[in-house]
Amino acid sequence: SAFFMVSPPQSPTQKQAKVLPPLESYLKHLFMVSLSHDDRSVSFVSKQVLRFPWSDPTAEVGALVVKYMLKAVRKGRYKAVGAVSEVAANLRRSKPEVPARIADAVLEELQYAMERPSARDQQRMISYARLLGELHRTGLVPASVVFEQ
C-alpha cells in the first residue's frame, strides 16, 4: 500500500470527454445550468430556445430541445421539473411540436418502466411522473391522457 502512495497504478483506459457541437453544448448549458424555477430564468431560457435555427432540417432542433429537457429532469435537479414544464408551456404558441414531443417521450418512458420494472430506474420514473403532472398543470397534457395511462 505504501508503494501505491508513491506510484499509483496505471489505469488502462482514460475516459474521453464527449465533444458536443456548439448548439448542443449551449442547449445543455441552458437546461442543466441556467434553468431554475424562477420566472426570470424560465423566460430567459424560453427566449434563447426560440432563437435557435428551427427552420434548418439538418439541425433537428426540436429533437435536441426535448432531449435536453428530459435530461434536465432525469439528471438535473429535481426542482427543475416545474421549470422545464414552464419552458414547454412558453414554447407552445410558437413551436407546438415541443410540448407534443415531450409529452410523447414522457409517456413512452413511463410505459416502458411499467412494462419492465427495475429498481435502478425508480428515481427517474418519479421525476418523469412529476413532469407529467407539471405538464398537466400547465395545460399541455389533458386529464384524459394522464388518467388513461
Protein backbone atom coordinates (compact mmCIF):
# COMPACT_ATOMS: atom_id res chain seq x y z
CA SER A 1 0.00 0.00 0.00
CA ALA A 2 2.91 2.38 0.63
CA PHE A 3 4.15 1.59 -2.88
CA PHE A 4 0.89 2.85 -4.40
CA MET A 5 1.15 6.08 -2.43
CA VAL A 6 4.37 6.83 -4.29
CA SER A 7 3.48 5.31 -7.65
CA PRO A 8 -0.27 4.88 -8.25
CA PRO A 9 -1.32 2.06 -10.58
CA GLN A 10 -1.73 2.99 -14.21
CA SER A 11 -5.34 2.98 -15.35
CA PRO A 12 -5.65 1.11 -18.63
CA THR A 13 -8.12 3.48 -20.28
CA GLN A 14 -8.77 7.14 -19.89
CA LYS A 15 -12.37 8.14 -20.40
CA GLN A 16 -12.55 10.62 -23.25
CA ALA A 17 -14.63 13.73 -22.74
CA LYS A 18 -17.50 13.95 -25.18
CA VAL A 19 -17.17 16.87 -27.56
CA LEU A 20 -20.58 18.29 -28.39
CA PRO A 21 -21.43 20.60 -31.27
CA PRO A 22 -21.91 24.23 -30.20
CA LEU A 23 -25.71 24.10 -30.48
CA GLU A 24 -25.97 21.02 -28.27
CA SER A 25 -23.45 22.39 -25.83
CA TYR A 26 -25.42 25.61 -25.42
CA LEU A 27 -28.71 23.71 -25.05
CA LYS A 28 -27.13 21.56 -22.37
CA HIS A 29 -25.89 24.67 -20.58
CA LEU A 30 -29.32 26.31 -20.77
CA PHE A 31 -31.25 23.37 -19.35
CA MET A 32 -28.71 21.87 -16.96
CA VAL A 33 -27.09 25.02 -15.55
CA SER A 34 -29.09 28.17 -16.29
CA LEU A 35 -32.62 26.88 -15.75
CA SER A 36 -34.07 27.33 -12.29
CA HIS A 37 -37.62 27.67 -11.03
CA ASP A 38 -37.91 31.44 -11.12
CA ASP A 39 -39.77 33.44 -13.76
CA ARG A 40 -36.69 35.29 -14.92
CA SER A 41 -34.73 32.13 -15.66
CA VAL A 42 -37.68 30.43 -17.39
CA SER A 43 -38.25 33.50 -19.57
CA PHE A 44 -34.57 33.73 -20.49
CA VAL A 45 -34.30 30.05 -21.44
CA SER A 46 -37.53 30.21 -23.45
CA LYS A 47 -36.31 33.22 -25.43
CA GLN A 48 -32.94 31.62 -26.08
CA VAL A 49 -34.53 28.39 -27.31
CA LEU A 50 -36.74 30.33 -29.71
CA ARG A 51 -33.63 31.88 -31.29
CA PHE A 52 -32.29 28.54 -32.49
CA PRO A 53 -32.37 27.66 -36.22
CA TRP A 54 -35.73 25.86 -36.21
CA SER A 55 -36.11 26.05 -40.00
CA ASP A 56 -32.85 24.16 -40.63
CA PRO A 57 -33.78 20.47 -41.09
CA THR A 58 -30.22 19.25 -40.51
CA ALA A 59 -30.08 20.79 -37.03
CA GLU A 60 -33.12 18.87 -35.69
CA VAL A 61 -33.63 21.50 -33.02
CA GLY A 62 -36.95 20.08 -31.81
CA ALA A 63 -35.45 16.69 -31.02
CA LEU A 64 -32.44 18.27 -29.30
CA VAL A 65 -34.60 20.56 -27.17
CA VAL A 66 -36.72 17.65 -25.98
CA LYS A 67 -33.62 15.53 -25.37
CA TYR A 68 -32.06 18.12 -23.08
CA MET A 69 -35.36 18.94 -21.39
CA LEU A 70 -35.71 15.30 -20.41
CA LYS A 71 -32.05 15.10 -19.44
CA ALA A 72 -32.51 18.11 -17.15
CA VAL A 73 -35.39 16.29 -15.47
CA ARG A 74 -33.57 12.97 -15.31
CA LYS A 75 -30.05 14.02 -14.37
CA GLY A 76 -30.51 17.59 -13.27
CA ARG A 77 -32.08 18.96 -10.17
CA TYR A 78 -35.48 17.68 -9.09
CA LYS A 79 -36.65 21.28 -8.64
CA ALA A 80 -36.06 21.91 -12.36
CA VAL A 81 -39.08 19.78 -13.29
CA GLY A 82 -41.51 22.67 -12.89
CA ALA A 83 -39.21 25.00 -14.80
CA VAL A 84 -38.95 22.55 -17.72
CA SER A 85 -42.73 22.40 -17.82
CA GLU A 86 -42.95 26.20 -17.82
CA VAL A 87 -40.47 26.43 -20.71
CA ALA A 88 -42.52 23.90 -22.68
CA ALA A 89 -45.64 25.96 -21.97
CA ASN A 90 -43.89 29.12 -23.18
CA LEU A 91 -42.90 27.36 -26.41
CA ARG A 92 -46.44 26.09 -27.03
CA ARG A 93 -47.63 29.00 -29.16
CA SER A 94 -44.66 29.38 -31.49
CA LYS A 95 -43.32 25.79 -31.54
CA PRO A 96 -46.22 23.38 -30.88
CA GLU A 97 -44.06 20.37 -31.68
CA VAL A 98 -42.06 20.72 -28.45
CA PRO A 99 -44.91 20.09 -25.97
CA ALA A 100 -46.20 17.23 -28.11
CA ARG A 101 -42.76 15.62 -28.32
CA ILE A 102 -42.04 15.99 -24.63
CA ALA A 103 -45.44 14.56 -23.65
CA ASP A 104 -44.92 11.60 -26.01
CA ALA A 105 -41.43 10.96 -24.68
CA VAL A 106 -42.55 11.08 -21.04
CA LEU A 107 -45.49 8.74 -21.69
CA GLU A 108 -43.23 6.30 -23.56
CA GLU A 109 -40.70 6.28 -20.72
CA LEU A 110 -43.39 5.70 -18.11
CA GLN A 111 -44.99 2.92 -20.15
CA TYR A 112 -41.60 1.26 -20.66
CA ALA A 113 -40.92 1.45 -16.92
CA MET A 114 -44.27 -0.15 -16.09
CA GLU A 115 -43.67 -2.97 -18.55
CA ARG A 116 -40.11 -3.63 -17.37
CA PRO A 117 -39.77 -2.55 -13.74
CA SER A 118 -36.25 -2.04 -12.49
CA ALA A 119 -35.02 -0.88 -9.11
CA ARG A 120 -32.37 1.34 -10.68
CA ASP A 121 -34.92 3.39 -12.65
CA GLN A 122 -37.23 4.27 -9.76
CA GLN A 123 -35.92 7.79 -9.19
CA ARG A 124 -36.05 8.53 -12.91
CA MET A 125 -39.65 7.37 -13.10
CA ILE A 126 -40.63 9.56 -10.15
CA SER A 127 -39.12 12.52 -11.98
CA TYR A 128 -40.97 11.64 -15.18
CA ALA A 129 -44.25 11.19 -13.31
CA ARG A 130 -43.79 14.59 -11.71
CA LEU A 131 -43.03 16.09 -15.13
CA LEU A 132 -46.24 14.57 -16.47
CA GLY A 133 -48.12 16.15 -13.57
CA GLU A 134 -46.47 19.51 -14.20
CA LEU A 135 -47.30 19.28 -17.91
CA HIS A 136 -50.92 18.64 -16.91
CA ARG A 137 -50.83 21.60 -14.51
CA THR A 138 -49.63 23.93 -17.28
CA GLY A 139 -52.33 22.65 -19.63
CA LEU A 140 -50.08 20.84 -22.09
CA VAL A 141 -51.44 17.36 -21.32
CA PRO A 142 -55.19 16.81 -20.85
CA ALA A 143 -56.53 14.90 -17.86
CA SER A 144 -57.76 12.06 -20.06
CA VAL A 145 -54.18 11.29 -21.13
CA VAL A 146 -52.92 11.35 -17.55
CA PHE A 147 -55.58 9.00 -16.20
CA GLU A 148 -55.70 6.61 -19.17
CA GLN A 149 -52.05 5.63 -18.87
